Amino acid sequence: MPTISIDTFFACTLIVIVVFVSMAATASVAAPHIRGFQDLNEEVYLRKIAEYTVTNPGSPTNWGEIQSVSPDIFGLAKENSFSYDLDVDKVSRISNQSIHALTYLELLTALRLEKIALSYSITQIMDITIVMTSNVTIGDSTTYNFNVTVSRDHAPLVTTLQCYVVARNFVNSTTSTTAIDGKGIVQTTIPNSSNGPALLIIFARNPYDSRITAQGGYIFPHLSLDPQPNNTFINLSPLNNTLTVTPNISGINLESGYVFTYGYESTLLPSSNSTYFIPKLLDSSPKVLAVTGWNGSDFFIEWTTYPQVPLVFGADFKFAERFSFNYLVTINEVFFNLNVQCGGPSL
């Protein structure tokens, strides 16, 4: 073979090797970026799904109010409202505490999505911790002292406190505050004749913005045995300004119903043997609903909130990859934290 042909052969071979090495190196370097673009596109797509369910009322637009209706299109927003303003009844229908709650299958059917899973979590914007510190009986009444701590993301908050106590044939209110360390003291006095379980309800509010309001409940024994856990005797399910009471055991006799907000308290008017009408109180506050009754000779107090927050509804992503989207939303002019998680088999 002539020398020039050999040189040409080796030169061409070298060029081919360089090209292949370059292509392999380029593929190795570009692969993570390509995957990154795929992740980015998927995140954008899932974010749009999450935001749609948060900013649209769904169809029919009043599906939350009608317990017998499943939405044709799922959306949590209040009709004709501002962005991220959720409907209290739609929120209540994704609470597993409610007898009116949707099933996860109904949610997926209304979303019309395949191979995508979702979950919703709603929590209060402030955390309230209540601890009983002492009690003393003098004469015909007993005084209880509680330490109250209010925080947000573990940071202490200065708040004003509106407090209510419910016992047998007894309802009373008091006020307090939390200081710069987020701590305050609440004191309440209950007649000894109202022995049995007692419920302390505390509303905490930012002094400068009524939309930053949260509630907490604490049940304790008043000259009695320790009370049973909440929802032992009855289930309370608010929807469309009506509270439905469902006995969990037989032989229950209801006595009284109450509604509390930061600024108001009122009795609940029964509309049937198992339902109460919830009045529309003009207050930027969650509602706490309490019902008293008897199980034989045992007095009880059960309570819930309206909206029924905190709640978790949807798929369990404990061992699965997903994208997580956080929103600050309002429900009845009160701020809440909403987290939407989206994922699927491809993640």
C-alpha atoms as a PDB file:
ATOM      1  CA  MET A   1       0.000   0.000   0.000  1.00  0.00           C
ATOM      2  CA  PRO A   2       1.406   3.439  -0.906  1.00  0.00           C
ATOM      3  CA  THR A   3       2.581   5.557   2.017  1.00  0.00           C
ATOM      4  CA  ILE A   4       0.046   8.304   1.343  1.00  0.00           C
ATOM      5  CA  SER A   5      -2.809   5.774   1.556  1.00  0.00           C
ATOM      6  CA  ILE A   6      -1.595   4.458   4.912  1.00  0.00           C
ATOM      7  CA  ASP A   7      -1.330   7.981   6.302  1.00  0.00           C
ATOM      8  CA  THR A   8      -4.820   8.784   5.050  1.00  0.00           C
ATOM      9  CA  PHE A   9      -6.223   5.583   6.624  1.00  0.00           C
ATOM     10  CA  PHE A  10      -4.742   6.344  10.054  1.00  0.00           C
ATOM     11  CA  ALA A  11      -5.865   9.971   9.883  1.00  0.00           C
ATOM     12  CA  CYS A  12      -9.431   8.955   9.100  1.00  0.00           C
ATOM     13  CA  THR A  13      -9.380   6.336  11.825  1.00  0.00           C
ATOM     14  CA  LEU A  14      -8.146   8.912  14.350  1.00  0.00           C
ATOM     15  CA  ILE A  15     -10.899  11.366  13.333  1.00  0.00           C
ATOM     16  CA  VAL A  16     -13.574   8.688  13.774  1.00  0.00           C
ATOM     17  CA  ILE A  17     -12.237   7.782  17.243  1.00  0.00           C
ATOM     18  CA  VAL A  18     -12.184  11.444  18.293  1.00  0.00           C
ATOM     19  CA  VAL A  19     -15.759  11.919  17.082  1.00  0.00           C
ATOM     20  CA  PHE A  20     -17.018   8.882  18.993  1.00  0.00           C
ATOM     21  CA  VAL A  21     -15.177   9.886  22.164  1.00  0.00           C
ATOM     22  CA  SER A  22     -16.594  13.399  21.887  1.00  0.00           C
ATOM     23  CA  MET A  23     -20.114  12.091  21.370  1.00  0.00           C
ATOM     24  CA  ALA A  24     -19.796   9.807  24.386  1.00  0.00           C
ATOM     25  CA  ALA A  25     -18.451  12.631  26.552  1.00  0.00           C
ATOM     26  CA  THR A  26     -21.183  14.989  25.375  1.00  0.00           C
ATOM     27  CA  ALA A  27     -23.875  12.414  26.165  1.00  0.00           C
ATOM     28  CA  SER A  28     -22.358  11.824  29.612  1.00  0.00           C
ATOM     29  CA  VAL A  29     -22.313  15.545  30.406  1.00  0.00           C
ATOM     30  CA  ALA A  30     -25.715  16.345  28.883  1.00  0.00           C
ATOM     31  CA  ALA A  31     -27.667  13.446  30.394  1.00  0.00           C
ATOM     32  CA  PRO A  32     -28.203  15.054  33.825  1.00  0.00           C
ATOM     33  CA  HIS A  33     -29.278  18.302  32.161  1.00  0.00           C
ATOM     34  CA  ILE A  34     -31.748  16.494  29.920  1.00  0.00           C
ATOM     35  CA  ARG A  35     -33.170  14.725  32.974  1.00  0.00           C
ATOM     36  CA  GLY A  36     -33.273  18.092  34.731  1.00  0.00           C
ATOM     37  CA  PHE A  37     -35.330  19.575  31.898  1.00  0.00           C
ATOM     38  CA  GLN A  38     -37.696  16.587  32.116  1.00  0.00           C
ATOM     39  CA  ASP A  39     -38.066  17.132  35.872  1.00  0.00           C
ATOM     40  CA  LEU A  40     -38.638  20.844  35.316  1.00  0.00           C
ATOM     41  CA  ASN A  41     -41.324  20.241  32.710  1.00  0.00           C
ATOM     42  CA  GLU A  42     -43.008  17.684  34.934  1.00  0.00           C
ATOM     43  CA  GLU A  43     -42.919  20.036  37.928  1.00  0.00           C
ATOM     44  CA  VAL A  44     -44.441  22.867  35.873  1.00  0.00           C
ATOM     45  CA  TYR A  45     -47.198  20.539  34.649  1.00  0.00           C
ATOM     46  CA  LEU A  46     -48.024  19.246  38.137  1.00  0.00           C
ATOM     47  CA  ARG A  47     -47.890  22.750  39.599  1.00  0.00           C
ATOM     48  CA  LYS A  48     -50.525  23.867  37.085  1.00  0.00           C
ATOM     49  CA  ILE A  49     -52.740  20.972  38.175  1.00  0.00           C
ATOM     50  CA  ALA A  50     -52.317  21.875  41.837  1.00  0.00           C
ATOM     51  CA  GLU A  51     -53.001  25.563  41.237  1.00  0.00           C
ATOM     52  CA  TYR A  52     -56.067  24.782  39.146  1.00  0.00           C
ATOM     53  CA  THR A  53     -57.660  22.865  42.028  1.00  0.00           C
ATOM     54  CA  VAL A  54     -56.826  25.711  44.418  1.00  0.00           C
ATOM     55  CA  THR A  55     -57.986  28.648  42.276  1.00  0.00           C
ATOM     56  CA  ASN A  56     -61.080  27.185  40.565  1.00  0.00           C
ATOM     57  CA  PRO A  57     -64.463  26.402  42.157  1.00  0.00           C
ATOM     58  CA  GLY A  58     -65.024  23.202  40.197  1.00  0.00           C
ATOM     59  CA  SER A  59     -68.361  22.102  38.789  1.00  0.00           C
ATOM     60  CA  PRO A  60     -71.028  22.482  39.912  1.00  0.00           C
ATOM     61  CA  THR A  61     -69.658  25.583  41.583  1.00  0.00           C
ATOM     62  CA  ASN A  62     -71.620  24.857  44.796  1.00  0.00           C
ATOM     63  CA  TRP A  63     -70.731  21.164  45.001  1.00  0.00           C
ATOM     64  CA  GLY A  64     -69.386  21.592  48.529  1.00  0.00           C
ATOM     65  CA  GLU A  65     -72.743  22.596  50.004  1.00  0.00           C
ATOM     66  CA  ILE A  66     -74.691  19.569  48.723  1.00  0.00           C
ATOM     67  CA  GLN A  67     -73.738  16.426  50.605  1.00  0.00           C
ATOM     68  CA  SER A  68     -75.263  14.099  48.027  1.00  0.00           C
ATOM     69  CA  VAL A  69     -73.342  15.625  45.092  1.00  0.00           C
ATOM     70  CA  SER A  70     -69.919  14.572  43.842  1.00  0.00           C
ATOM     71  CA  PRO A  71     -68.130  17.232  41.771  1.00  0.00           C
ATOM     72  CA  ASP A  72     -67.923  16.734  38.012  1.00  0.00           C
ATOM     73  CA  ILE A  73     -64.781  18.884  38.100  1.00  0.00           C
ATOM     74  CA  PHE A  74     -62.796  19.193  41.319  1.00  0.00           C
ATOM     75  CA  GLY A  75     -61.913  22.642  42.667  1.00  0.00           C
ATOM     76  CA  LEU A  76     -61.676  24.055  46.186  1.00  0.00           C
ATOM     77  CA  ALA A  77     -62.013  27.773  45.470  1.00  0.00           C
ATOM     78  CA  LYS A  78     -64.964  29.826  46.624  1.00  0.00           C
ATOM     79  CA  GLU A  79     -67.141  30.956  43.726  1.00  0.00           C
ATOM     80  CA  ASN A  80     -66.505  34.548  42.542  1.00  0.00           C
ATOM     81  CA  SER A  81     -63.703  35.013  45.046  1.00  0.00           C
ATOM     82  CA  PHE A  82     -60.139  36.252  45.036  1.00  0.00           C
ATOM     83  CA  SER A  83     -57.241  33.911  44.261  1.00  0.00           C
ATOM     84  CA  TYR A  84     -56.459  31.319  46.941  1.00  0.00           C
ATOM     85  CA  ASP A  85     -59.763  31.923  48.749  1.00  0.00           C
ATOM     86  CA  LEU A  86     -61.185  28.483  49.520  1.00  0.00           C
ATOM     87  CA  ASP A  87     -64.790  27.469  50.131  1.00  0.00           C
ATOM     88  CA  VAL A  88     -65.386  26.332  53.713  1.00  0.00           C
ATOM     89  CA  ASP A  89     -67.762  23.537  52.671  1.00  0.00           C
ATOM     90  CA  LYS A  90     -65.493  22.194  49.922  1.00  0.00           C
ATOM     91  CA  VAL A  91     -62.704  22.051  52.485  1.00  0.00           C
ATOM     92  CA  SER A  92     -65.007  20.247  54.928  1.00  0.00           C
ATOM     93  CA  ARG A  93     -65.764  17.639  52.272  1.00  0.00           C
ATOM     94  CA  ILE A  94     -62.127  16.587  52.051  1.00  0.00           C
ATOM     95  CA  SER A  95     -61.914  16.045  55.815  1.00  0.00           C
ATOM     96  CA  ASN A  96     -61.924  12.439  56.966  1.00  0.00           C
ATOM     97  CA  GLN A  97     -63.700  13.630  60.129  1.00  0.00           C
ATOM     98  CA  SER A  98     -66.851  14.399  58.131  1.00  0.00           C
ATOM     99  CA  ILE A  99     -69.549  11.921  57.190  1.00  0.00           C
ATOM    100  CA  HIS A 100     -69.990  14.049  54.038  1.00  0.00           C
ATOM    101  CA  ALA A 101     -66.392  13.568  52.852  1.00  0.00           C
ATOM    102  CA  LEU A 102     -65.541  12.621  49.275  1.00  0.00           C
ATOM    103  CA  THR A 103     -63.748   9.382  48.586  1.00  0.00           C
ATOM    104  CA  TYR A 104     -60.340   9.449  46.933  1.00  0.00           C
ATOM    105  CA  LEU A 105     -61.869   7.717  43.912  1.00  0.00           C
ATOM    106  CA  GLU A 106     -64.393  10.556  43.582  1.00  0.00           C
ATOM    107  CA  LEU A 107     -61.511  13.038  43.656  1.00  0.00           C
ATOM    108  CA  LEU A 108     -59.587  11.232  40.892  1.00  0.00           C
ATOM    109  CA  THR A 109     -62.735  10.893  38.780  1.00  0.00           C
ATOM    110  CA  ALA A 110     -63.455  14.615  39.093  1.00  0.00           C
ATOM    111  CA  LEU A 111     -59.852  15.508  38.193  1.00  0.00           C
ATOM    112  CA  ARG A 112     -59.944  13.330  35.040  1.00  0.00           C
ATOM    113  CA  LEU A 113     -56.268  12.474  35.472  1.00  0.00           C
ATOM    114  CA  GLU A 114     -54.528   9.193  34.780  1.00  0.00           C
ATOM    115  CA  LYS A 115     -51.348   7.983  36.483  1.00  0.00           C
ATOM    116  CA  ILE A 116     -51.185  11.054  38.727  1.00  0.00           C
ATOM    117  CA  ALA A 117     -51.772  10.981  42.471  1.00  0.00           C
ATOM    118  CA  LEU A 118     -52.562  13.956  44.708  1.00  0.00           C
ATOM    119  CA  SER A 119     -52.880  14.770  48.374  1.00  0.00           C
ATOM    120  CA  TYR A 120     -54.029  17.866  50.244  1.00  0.00           C
ATOM    121  CA  SER A 121     -53.001  19.015  53.719  1.00  0.00           C
ATOM    122  CA  ILE A 122     -54.429  22.108  55.450  1.00  0.00           C
ATOM    123  CA  THR A 123     -53.184  23.425  58.783  1.00  0.00           C
ATOM    124  CA  GLN A 124     -53.665  26.549  60.873  1.00  0.00           C
ATOM    125  CA  ILE A 125     -51.207  29.381  60.448  1.00  0.00           C
ATOM    126  CA  MET A 126     -50.449  29.406  64.201  1.00  0.00           C
ATOM    127  CA  ASP A 127     -49.854  26.598  66.701  1.00  0.00           C
ATOM    128  CA  ILE A 128     -51.499  26.747  70.136  1.00  0.00           C
ATOM    129  CA  THR A 129     -50.259  24.597  73.029  1.00  0.00           C
ATOM    130  CA  ILE A 130     -52.346  24.337  76.218  1.00  0.00           C
ATOM    131  CA  VAL A 131     -51.088  22.795  79.475  1.00  0.00           C
ATOM    132  CA  MET A 132     -52.942  22.730  82.793  1.00  0.00           C
ATOM    133  CA  THR A 133     -50.596  23.809  85.602  1.00  0.00           C
ATOM    134  CA  SER A 134     -52.749  23.849  88.745  1.00  0.00           C
ATOM    135  CA  ASN A 135     -56.233  23.774  90.227  1.00  0.00           C
ATOM    136  CA  VAL A 136     -57.632  24.696  93.614  1.00  0.00           C
ATOM    137  CA  THR A 137     -61.079  24.179  95.115  1.00  0.00           C
ATOM    138  CA  ILE A 138     -62.377  26.894  97.441  1.00  0.00           C
ATOM    139  CA  GLY A 139     -65.950  26.789  98.638  1.00  0.00           C
ATOM    140  CA  ASP A 140     -68.387  25.803  95.899  1.00  0.00           C
ATOM    141  CA  SER A 141     -66.071  26.405  92.898  1.00  0.00           C
ATOM    142  CA  THR A 142     -62.719  25.272  91.460  1.00  0.00           C
ATOM    143  CA  THR A 143     -60.188  27.515  89.741  1.00  0.00           C
ATOM    144  CA  TYR A 144     -57.922  26.149  87.008  1.00  0.00           C
ATOM    145  CA  ASN A 145     -54.715  27.680  85.634  1.00  0.00           C
ATOM    146  CA  PHE A 146     -53.301  26.945  82.190  1.00  0.00           C
ATOM    147  CA  ASN A 147     -50.094  27.849  80.387  1.00  0.00           C
ATOM    148  CA  VAL A 148     -50.713  28.776  76.754  1.00  0.00           C
ATOM    149  CA  THR A 149     -48.004  29.021  74.084  1.00  0.00           C
ATOM    150  CA  VAL A 150     -48.616  30.461  70.596  1.00  0.00           C
ATOM    151  CA  SER A 151     -46.070  30.132  67.796  1.00  0.00           C
ATOM    152  CA  ARG A 152     -45.639  30.020  64.043  1.00  0.00           C
ATOM    153  CA  ASP A 153     -42.917  27.805  62.571  1.00  0.00           C
ATOM    154  CA  HIS A 154     -41.564  27.464  66.137  1.00  0.00           C
ATOM    155  CA  ALA A 155     -41.214  31.263  66.477  1.00  0.00           C
ATOM    156  CA  PRO A 156     -43.099  32.763  69.473  1.00  0.00           C
ATOM    157  CA  LEU A 157     -45.916  35.218  68.763  1.00  0.00           C
ATOM    158  CA  VAL A 158     -47.541  38.086  70.630  1.00  0.00           C
ATOM    159  CA  THR A 159     -51.311  37.513  70.452  1.00  0.00           C
ATOM    160  CA  THR A 160     -54.567  38.376  72.149  1.00  0.00           C
ATOM    161  CA  LEU A 161     -56.479  35.399  73.568  1.00  0.00           C
ATOM    162  CA  GLN A 162     -60.239  34.933  73.736  1.00  0.00           C
ATOM    163  CA  CYS A 163     -61.083  31.932  75.899  1.00  0.00           C
ATOM    164  CA  TYR A 164     -64.266  29.971  76.616  1.00  0.00           C
ATOM    165  CA  VAL A 165     -64.968  27.120  79.002  1.00  0.00           C
ATOM    166  CA  VAL A 166     -67.878  24.706  78.586  1.00  0.00           C
ATOM    167  CA  ALA A 167     -69.019  22.371  81.375  1.00  0.00           C
ATOM    168  CA  ARG A 168     -72.293  20.835  82.492  1.00  0.00           C
ATOM    169  CA  ASN A 169     -74.895  23.639  82.551  1.00  0.00           C
ATOM    170  CA  PHE A 170     -72.096  26.192  82.447  1.00  0.00           C
ATOM    171  CA  VAL A 171     -70.461  28.431  79.806  1.00  0.00           C
ATOM    172  CA  ASN A 172     -68.071  31.269  80.582  1.00  0.00           C
ATOM    173  CA  SER A 173     -65.491  33.438  78.805  1.00  0.00           C
ATOM    174  CA  THR A 174     -62.271  35.232  79.697  1.00  0.00           C
ATOM    175  CA  THR A 175     -59.434  37.044  77.938  1.00  0.00           C
ATOM    176  CA  SER A 176     -55.663  36.995  78.126  1.00  0.00           C
ATOM    177  CA  THR A 177     -52.560  37.649  76.007  1.00  0.00           C
ATOM    178  CA  THR A 178     -49.273  36.047  75.077  1.00  0.00           C
ATOM    179  CA  ALA A 179     -46.065  38.039  75.563  1.00  0.00           C
ATOM    180  CA  ILE A 180     -43.017  38.401  73.322  1.00  0.00           C
ATOM    181  CA  ASP A 181     -41.947  34.869  74.290  1.00  0.00           C
ATOM    182  CA  GLY A 182     -45.283  33.547  72.992  1.00  0.00           C
ATOM    183  CA  LYS A 183     -46.440  32.509  76.465  1.00  0.00           C
ATOM    184  CA  GLY A 184     -49.522  33.480  78.443  1.00  0.00           C
ATOM    185  CA  ILE A 185     -51.629  32.364  81.399  1.00  0.00           C
ATOM    186  CA  VAL A 186     -55.349  31.583  81.309  1.00  0.00           C
ATOM    187  CA  GLN A 187     -57.439  31.195  84.463  1.00  0.00           C
ATOM    188  CA  THR A 188     -61.015  29.984  84.685  1.00  0.00           C
ATOM    189  CA  THR A 189     -63.370  29.137  87.572  1.00  0.00           C
ATOM    190  CA  ILE A 190     -66.100  26.477  87.341  1.00  0.00           C
ATOM    191  CA  PRO A 191     -68.902  25.750  89.850  1.00  0.00           C
ATOM    192  CA  ASN A 192     -68.424  22.415  91.602  1.00  0.00           C
ATOM    193  CA  SER A 193     -72.018  21.532  90.728  1.00  0.00           C
ATOM    194  CA  SER A 194     -70.917  21.316  87.062  1.00  0.00           C
ATOM    195  CA  ASN A 195     -68.681  18.318  87.754  1.00  0.00           C
ATOM    196  CA  GLY A 196     -67.728  16.186  84.766  1.00  0.00           C
ATOM    197  CA  PRO A 197     -65.633  16.843  81.665  1.00  0.00           C
ATOM    198  CA  ALA A 198     -64.927  20.487  80.852  1.00  0.00           C
ATOM    199  CA  LEU A 199     -63.745  21.965  77.535  1.00  0.00           C
ATOM    200  CA  LEU A 200     -61.411  24.960  77.284  1.00  0.00           C
ATOM    201  CA  ILE A 201     -61.481  26.707  73.891  1.00  0.00           C
ATOM    202  CA  ILE A 202     -58.816  29.288  73.097  1.00  0.00           C
ATOM    203  CA  PHE A 203     -58.688  31.635  70.107  1.00  0.00           C
ATOM    204  CA  ALA A 204     -55.384  33.412  69.438  1.00  0.00           C
ATOM    205  CA  ARG A 205     -55.301  36.478  67.181  1.00  0.00           C
ATOM    206  CA  ASN A 206     -52.596  38.740  65.821  1.00  0.00           C
ATOM    207  CA  PRO A 207     -53.294  42.209  67.312  1.00  0.00           C
ATOM    208  CA  TYR A 208     -52.850  43.900  63.923  1.00  0.00           C
ATOM    209  CA  ASP A 209     -54.478  41.469  61.454  1.00  0.00           C
ATOM    210  CA  SER A 210     -57.701  39.627  62.286  1.00  0.00           C
ATOM    211  CA  ARG A 211     -57.062  37.177  59.434  1.00  0.00           C
ATOM    212  CA  ILE A 212     -54.264  35.673  61.527  1.00  0.00           C
ATOM    213  CA  THR A 213     -56.492  33.814  63.974  1.00  0.00           C
ATOM    214  CA  ALA A 214     -56.288  30.220  65.202  1.00  0.00           C
ATOM    215  CA  GLN A 215     -58.081  28.033  67.723  1.00  0.00           C
ATOM    216  CA  GLY A 216     -57.200  25.261  70.146  1.00  0.00           C
ATOM    217  CA  GLY A 217     -59.233  22.965  72.384  1.00  0.00           C
ATOM    218  CA  TYR A 218     -58.355  21.226  75.647  1.00  0.00           C
ATOM    219  CA  ILE A 219     -60.684  18.863  77.502  1.00  0.00           C
ATOM    220  CA  PHE A 220     -60.027  18.128  81.177  1.00  0.00           C
ATOM    221  CA  PRO A 221     -61.726  16.498  84.176  1.00  0.00           C
ATOM    222  CA  HIS A 222     -63.604  18.760  86.579  1.00  0.00           C
ATOM    223  CA  LEU A 223     -64.011  16.884  89.866  1.00  0.00           C
ATOM    224  CA  SER A 224     -64.460  13.708  87.804  1.00  0.00           C
ATOM    225  CA  LEU A 225     -62.641  10.864  86.066  1.00  0.00           C
ATOM    226  CA  ASP A 226     -60.541  11.591  82.980  1.00  0.00           C
ATOM    227  CA  PRO A 227     -62.800  12.315  79.990  1.00  0.00           C
ATOM    228  CA  GLN A 228     -62.984  10.035  76.962  1.00  0.00           C
ATOM    229  CA  PRO A 229     -61.193  11.101  73.737  1.00  0.00           C
ATOM    230  CA  ASN A 230     -63.060  13.417  71.397  1.00  0.00           C
ATOM    231  CA  ASN A 231     -65.472  11.688  68.961  1.00  0.00           C
ATOM    232  CA  THR A 232     -66.032   8.777  71.362  1.00  0.00           C
ATOM    233  CA  PHE A 233     -69.778   9.299  71.699  1.00  0.00           C
ATOM    234  CA  ILE A 234     -70.828  11.288  68.611  1.00  0.00           C
ATOM    235  CA  ASN A 235     -69.477  12.483  65.276  1.00  0.00           C
ATOM    236  CA  LEU A 236     -69.927  16.152  64.378  1.00  0.00           C
ATOM    237  CA  SER A 237     -70.020  17.072  60.673  1.00  0.00           C
ATOM    238  CA  PRO A 238     -70.673  20.714  59.710  1.00  0.00           C
ATOM    239  CA  LEU A 239     -71.764  21.527  56.164  1.00  0.00           C
ATOM    240  CA  ASN A 240     -73.712  24.391  54.615  1.00  0.00           C
ATOM    241  CA  ASN A 241     -74.220  26.034  58.034  1.00  0.00           C
ATOM    242  CA  THR A 242     -75.799  22.866  59.406  1.00  0.00           C
ATOM    243  CA  LEU A 243     -74.208  20.586  62.013  1.00  0.00           C
ATOM    244  CA  THR A 244     -75.090  16.910  61.654  1.00  0.00           C
ATOM    245  CA  VAL A 245     -74.699  14.815  64.804  1.00  0.00           C
ATOM    246  CA  THR A 246     -74.191  11.075  64.308  1.00  0.00           C
ATOM    247  CA  PRO A 247     -74.122   8.851  67.431  1.00  0.00           C
ATOM    248  CA  ASN A 248     -71.176   6.463  67.586  1.00  0.00           C
ATOM    249  CA  ILE A 249     -72.856   4.326  70.244  1.00  0.00           C
ATOM    250  CA  SER A 250     -76.483   3.645  71.093  1.00  0.00           C
ATOM    251  CA  GLY A 251     -78.418   5.293  73.901  1.00  0.00           C
ATOM    252  CA  ILE A 252     -77.070   8.828  73.367  1.00  0.00           C
ATOM    253  CA  ASN A 253     -79.170  11.786  74.527  1.00  0.00           C
ATOM    254  CA  LEU A 254     -78.141  15.225  73.297  1.00  0.00           C
ATOM    255  CA  GLU A 255     -78.467  18.222  75.579  1.00  0.00           C
ATOM    256  CA  SER A 256     -77.029  21.517  74.233  1.00  0.00           C
ATOM    257  CA  GLY A 257     -75.073  22.853  71.280  1.00  0.00           C
ATOM    258  CA  TYR A 258     -72.772  25.884  71.106  1.00  0.00           C
ATOM    259  CA  VAL A 259     -70.781  27.818  68.519  1.00  0.00           C
ATOM    260  CA  PHE A 260     -67.755  29.948  69.374  1.00  0.00           C
ATOM    261  CA  THR A 261     -65.580  32.356  67.390  1.00  0.00           C
ATOM    262  CA  TYR A 262     -62.967  34.855  68.512  1.00  0.00           C
ATOM    263  CA  GLY A 263     -65.565  37.580  68.998  1.00  0.00           C
ATOM    264  CA  TYR A 264     -68.864  35.759  69.469  1.00  0.00           C
ATOM    265  CA  GLU A 265     -70.581  32.883  71.230  1.00  0.00           C
ATOM    266  CA  SER A 266     -74.059  31.522  70.646  1.00  0.00           C
ATOM    267  CA  THR A 267     -76.219  28.485  71.227  1.00  0.00           C
ATOM    268  CA  LEU A 268     -76.991  26.164  68.338  1.00  0.00           C
ATOM    269  CA  LEU A 269     -80.668  25.878  67.487  1.00  0.00           C
ATOM    270  CA  PRO A 270     -81.760  22.286  66.746  1.00  0.00           C
ATOM    271  CA  SER A 271     -83.451  21.847  63.387  1.00  0.00           C
ATOM    272  CA  SER A 272     -84.154  18.142  63.960  1.00  0.00           C
ATOM    273  CA  ASN A 273     -83.227  15.385  66.394  1.00  0.00           C
ATOM    274  CA  SER A 274     -79.765  15.112  64.838  1.00  0.00           C
ATOM    275  CA  THR A 275     -79.006  18.495  63.260  1.00  0.00           C
ATOM    276  CA  TYR A 276     -78.352  22.049  64.431  1.00  0.00           C
ATOM    277  CA  PHE A 277     -78.475  25.306  62.516  1.00  0.00           C
ATOM    278  CA  ILE A 278     -75.109  27.131  62.618  1.00  0.00           C
ATOM    279  CA  PRO A 279     -75.602  30.929  62.713  1.00  0.00           C
ATOM    280  CA  LYS A 280     -73.531  33.110  60.378  1.00  0.00           C
ATOM    281  CA  LEU A 281     -71.365  35.109  62.760  1.00  0.00           C
ATOM    282  CA  LEU A 282     -69.627  38.168  61.279  1.00  0.00           C
ATOM    283  CA  ASP A 283     -66.123  37.431  62.483  1.00  0.00           C
ATOM    284  CA  SER A 284     -62.794  36.605  60.820  1.00  0.00           C
ATOM    285  CA  SER A 285     -62.367  33.455  62.827  1.00  0.00           C
ATOM    286  CA  PRO A 286     -62.653  29.686  62.676  1.00  0.00           C
ATOM    287  CA  LYS A 287     -65.768  28.323  64.355  1.00  0.00           C
ATOM    288  CA  VAL A 288     -65.605  25.828  67.202  1.00  0.00           C
ATOM    289  CA  LEU A 289     -68.785  23.764  67.586  1.00  0.00           C
ATOM    290  CA  ALA A 290     -69.458  21.948  70.872  1.00  0.00           C
ATOM    291  CA  VAL A 291     -72.307  19.587  71.751  1.00  0.00           C
ATOM    292  CA  THR A 292     -73.072  18.212  75.213  1.00  0.00           C
ATOM    293  CA  GLY A 293     -75.102  15.165  76.082  1.00  0.00           C
ATOM    294  CA  TRP A 294     -75.495  12.037  78.162  1.00  0.00           C
ATOM    295  CA  ASN A 295     -74.506   8.420  77.701  1.00  0.00           C
ATOM    296  CA  GLY A 296     -76.674   6.918  80.393  1.00  0.00           C
ATOM    297  CA  SER A 297     -75.509   8.677  83.563  1.00  0.00           C
ATOM    298  CA  ASP A 298     -72.239   9.886  81.989  1.00  0.00           C
ATOM    299  CA  PHE A 299     -72.087  13.500  80.824  1.00  0.00           C
ATOM    300  CA  PHE A 300     -69.945  14.232  77.744  1.00  0.00           C
ATOM    301  CA  ILE A 301     -68.737  17.125  75.598  1.00  0.00           C
ATOM    302  CA  GLU A 302     -67.670  16.636  71.965  1.00  0.00           C
ATOM    303  CA  TRP A 303     -66.403  19.337  69.613  1.00  0.00           C
ATOM    304  CA  THR A 304     -65.215  20.043  66.099  1.00  0.00           C
ATOM    305  CA  THR A 305     -64.198  23.031  63.995  1.00  0.00           C
ATOM    306  CA  TYR A 306     -65.690  24.660  60.915  1.00  0.00           C
ATOM    307  CA  PRO A 307     -63.701  24.346  58.657  1.00  0.00           C
ATOM    308  CA  GLN A 308     -62.562  20.952  59.926  1.00  0.00           C
ATOM    309  CA  VAL A 309     -58.849  21.764  59.979  1.00  0.00           C
ATOM    310  CA  PRO A 310     -56.246  20.287  60.332  1.00  0.00           C
ATOM    311  CA  LEU A 311     -56.892  17.731  57.620  1.00  0.00           C
ATOM    312  CA  VAL A 312     -55.027  15.391  55.279  1.00  0.00           C
ATOM    313  CA  PHE A 313     -56.767  13.929  52.239  1.00  0.00           C
ATOM    314  CA  GLY A 314     -55.589  11.921  49.246  1.00  0.00           C
ATOM    315  CA  ALA A 315     -52.705   9.658  48.296  1.00  0.00           C
ATOM    316  CA  ASP A 316     -50.038   8.453  50.718  1.00  0.00           C
ATOM    317  CA  PHE A 317     -46.645   9.560  49.376  1.00  0.00           C
ATOM    318  CA  LYS A 318     -44.676   8.168  52.315  1.00  0.00           C
ATOM    319  CA  PHE A 319     -42.398   6.019  50.136  1.00  0.00           C
ATOM    320  CA  ALA A 320     -42.906   7.705  46.763  1.00  0.00           C
ATOM    321  CA  GLU A 321     -41.340  10.632  44.944  1.00  0.00           C
ATOM    322  CA  ARG A 322     -43.536  13.682  44.491  1.00  0.00           C
ATOM    323  CA  PHE A 323     -43.534  17.425  44.001  1.00  0.00           C
ATOM    324  CA  SER A 324     -44.772  19.545  46.903  1.00  0.00           C
ATOM    325  CA  PHE A 325     -46.458  22.944  46.480  1.00  0.00           C
ATOM    326  CA  ASN A 326     -47.275  25.293  49.369  1.00  0.00           C
ATOM    327  CA  TYR A 327     -49.906  28.033  49.383  1.00  0.00           C
ATOM    328  CA  LEU A 328     -51.157  30.631  51.844  1.00  0.00           C
ATOM    329  CA  VAL A 329     -54.946  30.513  51.489  1.00  0.00           C
ATOM    330  CA  THR A 330     -57.952  32.086  53.179  1.00  0.00           C
ATOM    331  CA  ILE A 331     -61.076  30.320  54.420  1.00  0.00           C
ATOM    332  CA  ASN A 332     -63.805  32.599  55.750  1.00  0.00           C
ATOM    333  CA  GLU A 333     -61.300  35.482  55.840  1.00  0.00           C
ATOM    334  CA  VAL A 334     -58.772  33.530  57.945  1.00  0.00           C
ATOM    335  CA  PHE A 335     -55.297  32.478  56.762  1.00  0.00           C
ATOM    336  CA  PHE A 336     -54.394  28.776  56.547  1.00  0.00           C
ATOM    337  CA  ASN A 337     -51.456  26.796  55.171  1.00  0.00           C
ATOM    338  CA  LEU A 338     -52.247  24.509  52.232  1.00  0.00           C
ATOM    339  CA  ASN A 339     -49.836  21.888  50.917  1.00  0.00           C
ATOM    340  CA  VAL A 340     -50.587  20.000  47.689  1.00  0.00           C
ATOM    341  CA  GLN A 341     -48.467  16.996  46.742  1.00  0.00           C
ATOM    342  CA  CYS A 342     -48.504  15.572  43.214  1.00  0.00           C
ATOM    343  CA  GLY A 343     -46.761  12.511  41.854  1.00  0.00           C
ATOM    344  CA  GLY A 344     -47.198   9.404  39.818  1.00  0.00           C
ATOM    345  CA  PRO A 345     -45.683   6.084  38.785  1.00  0.00           C
ATOM    346  CA  SER A 346     -43.155   7.791  36.471  1.00  0.00           C
ATOM    347  CA  LEU A 347     -41.582   9.796  39.308  1.00  0.00           C
END
